[in-house]
């Protein structure tokens, strides 16, 4: 069973930055994709960003130019660097990974953007 553990959430003022981390319990290079999703109160979970093992990235339109996803296969950790944060970025952020055998989710980390 693969475990994904997120960290790095917290409270930040609008315009601020946070970096989320997702540590995998096994080699990240074996995943077909790693990604971040988020779920705001009263809303459905939505995809935010994803990265392939070779480093190809994709972002939802609302975070393009502000968020950056990366992966360090040496430590089996992927990161979501979030800049110019807005109140509408407030949500629980979830790490996600997929391989040939299944889908895996982290437990979530809260990000609150408020003054």
Protein backbone atom coordinates (compact mmCIF):
# COMPACT_ATOMS: atom_id res chain seq x y z
CA UNK A 1 0.00 0.00 0.00
CA UNK A 2 1.42 3.35 -1.07
CA UNK A 3 1.26 6.18 1.44
CA UNK A 4 1.36 9.86 0.55
CA UNK A 5 1.96 12.39 3.32
CA UNK A 6 1.41 16.10 2.73
CA UNK A 7 2.90 18.96 4.72
CA UNK A 8 3.36 22.70 4.43
CA UNK A 9 -0.15 24.06 4.70
CA UNK A 10 -1.10 26.96 6.91
CA UNK A 11 -2.46 30.48 7.12
CA UNK A 12 -1.04 33.10 4.76
CA UNK A 13 -2.03 36.63 3.80
CA UNK A 14 -3.22 37.44 0.27
CA UNK A 15 -0.23 37.83 -2.01
CA UNK A 16 1.86 35.50 0.11
CA UNK A 17 3.50 32.18 -0.68
CA UNK A 18 3.47 28.62 0.60
CA UNK A 19 5.19 25.42 -0.48
CA UNK A 20 3.38 22.12 -0.05
CA UNK A 21 5.26 18.83 0.06
CA UNK A 22 4.08 15.30 -0.64
CA UNK A 23 6.30 12.46 0.50
CA UNK A 24 5.68 9.04 -1.06
CA UNK A 25 6.41 5.73 0.65
CA UNK A 26 7.99 4.29 -2.45
CA UNK A 27 9.85 5.40 -5.56
CA UNK A 28 8.09 8.36 -7.17
CA UNK A 29 9.58 7.53 -10.57
CA UNK A 30 7.29 4.50 -10.76
CA UNK A 31 4.15 6.63 -10.72
CA UNK A 32 2.48 7.43 -14.04
CA UNK A 33 1.60 10.84 -12.65
CA UNK A 34 1.72 12.84 -9.44
CA UNK A 35 -0.73 15.67 -8.89
CA UNK A 36 -2.37 18.08 -6.50
CA UNK A 37 -6.09 18.54 -6.03
CA UNK A 38 -7.98 20.90 -3.74
CA UNK A 39 -11.40 21.07 -2.17
CA UNK A 40 -12.90 24.30 -0.89
CA UNK A 41 -15.80 24.32 1.59
CA UNK A 42 -19.05 23.42 -0.15
CA UNK A 43 -17.34 22.67 -3.45
CA UNK A 44 -16.24 19.57 -5.31
CA UNK A 45 -12.61 18.48 -5.29
CA UNK A 46 -10.80 19.96 -8.29
CA UNK A 47 -7.55 19.20 -10.05
CA UNK A 48 -4.83 21.85 -9.61
CA UNK A 49 -1.62 20.60 -11.20
CA UNK A 50 0.12 17.43 -12.33
CA UNK A 51 3.58 16.24 -13.28
CA UNK A 52 4.82 13.21 -15.20
CA UNK A 53 7.90 11.18 -14.16
CA UNK A 54 9.91 13.03 -16.82
CA UNK A 55 8.80 16.40 -15.52
CA UNK A 56 6.06 17.44 -17.93
CA UNK A 57 3.61 19.70 -16.08
CA UNK A 58 0.04 20.88 -16.45
CA UNK A 59 -1.99 23.41 -14.48
CA UNK A 60 -5.58 24.44 -14.14
CA UNK A 61 -6.12 27.91 -15.63
CA UNK A 62 -6.77 29.65 -12.32
CA UNK A 63 -3.25 28.88 -11.00
CA UNK A 64 -1.16 29.22 -14.17
CA UNK A 65 1.73 31.61 -13.62
CA UNK A 66 1.30 31.46 -9.82
CA UNK A 67 1.78 27.79 -8.89
CA UNK A 68 4.61 25.45 -9.80
CA UNK A 69 4.73 21.67 -9.37
CA UNK A 70 7.98 19.75 -9.22
CA UNK A 71 9.25 16.34 -8.15
CA UNK A 72 12.48 15.16 -6.57
CA UNK A 73 12.88 11.47 -7.32
CA UNK A 74 15.89 11.24 -5.01
CA UNK A 75 13.62 11.86 -2.01
CA UNK A 76 10.34 10.61 -3.53
CA UNK A 77 8.77 13.97 -2.82
CA UNK A 78 6.77 16.31 -4.99
CA UNK A 79 6.18 19.95 -4.27
CA UNK A 80 3.59 22.58 -5.03
CA UNK A 81 5.05 26.07 -4.86
CA UNK A 82 2.21 28.57 -4.50
CA UNK A 83 2.81 32.29 -5.03
CA UNK A 84 0.57 35.34 -5.21
CA UNK A 85 -2.02 33.48 -3.18
CA UNK A 86 -5.62 34.66 -3.27
CA UNK A 87 -8.50 34.10 -0.83
CA UNK A 88 -10.10 31.84 -3.43
CA UNK A 89 -7.12 29.49 -3.15
CA UNK A 90 -8.33 28.59 0.35
CA UNK A 91 -8.98 24.84 0.43
CA UNK A 92 -7.76 21.50 1.65
CA UNK A 93 -5.00 20.43 -0.74
CA UNK A 94 -4.56 16.74 -1.51
CA UNK A 95 -1.60 14.93 -3.01
CA UNK A 96 -2.44 12.28 -5.60
CA UNK A 97 -0.47 9.61 -7.43
CA UNK A 98 -1.36 6.90 -9.92
CA UNK A 99 0.42 3.82 -11.14
CA UNK A 100 -0.58 0.71 -13.09
CA UNK A 101 -2.20 -0.78 -10.02
CA UNK A 102 -4.26 2.03 -8.59
CA UNK A 103 -4.81 5.55 -7.32
CA UNK A 104 -3.44 6.94 -4.08
CA UNK A 105 -4.38 9.99 -2.01
CA UNK A 106 -2.82 11.82 0.86
CA UNK A 107 -4.77 12.92 3.92
CA UNK A 108 -4.89 16.58 2.90
CA UNK A 109 -3.40 19.78 4.25
CA UNK A 110 -5.33 22.99 4.91
CA UNK A 111 -4.35 26.19 3.12
CA UNK A 112 -6.08 29.36 4.28
CA UNK A 113 -5.51 32.69 2.53
CA UNK A 114 -6.84 35.52 4.64
CA UNK A 115 -5.87 38.90 6.02
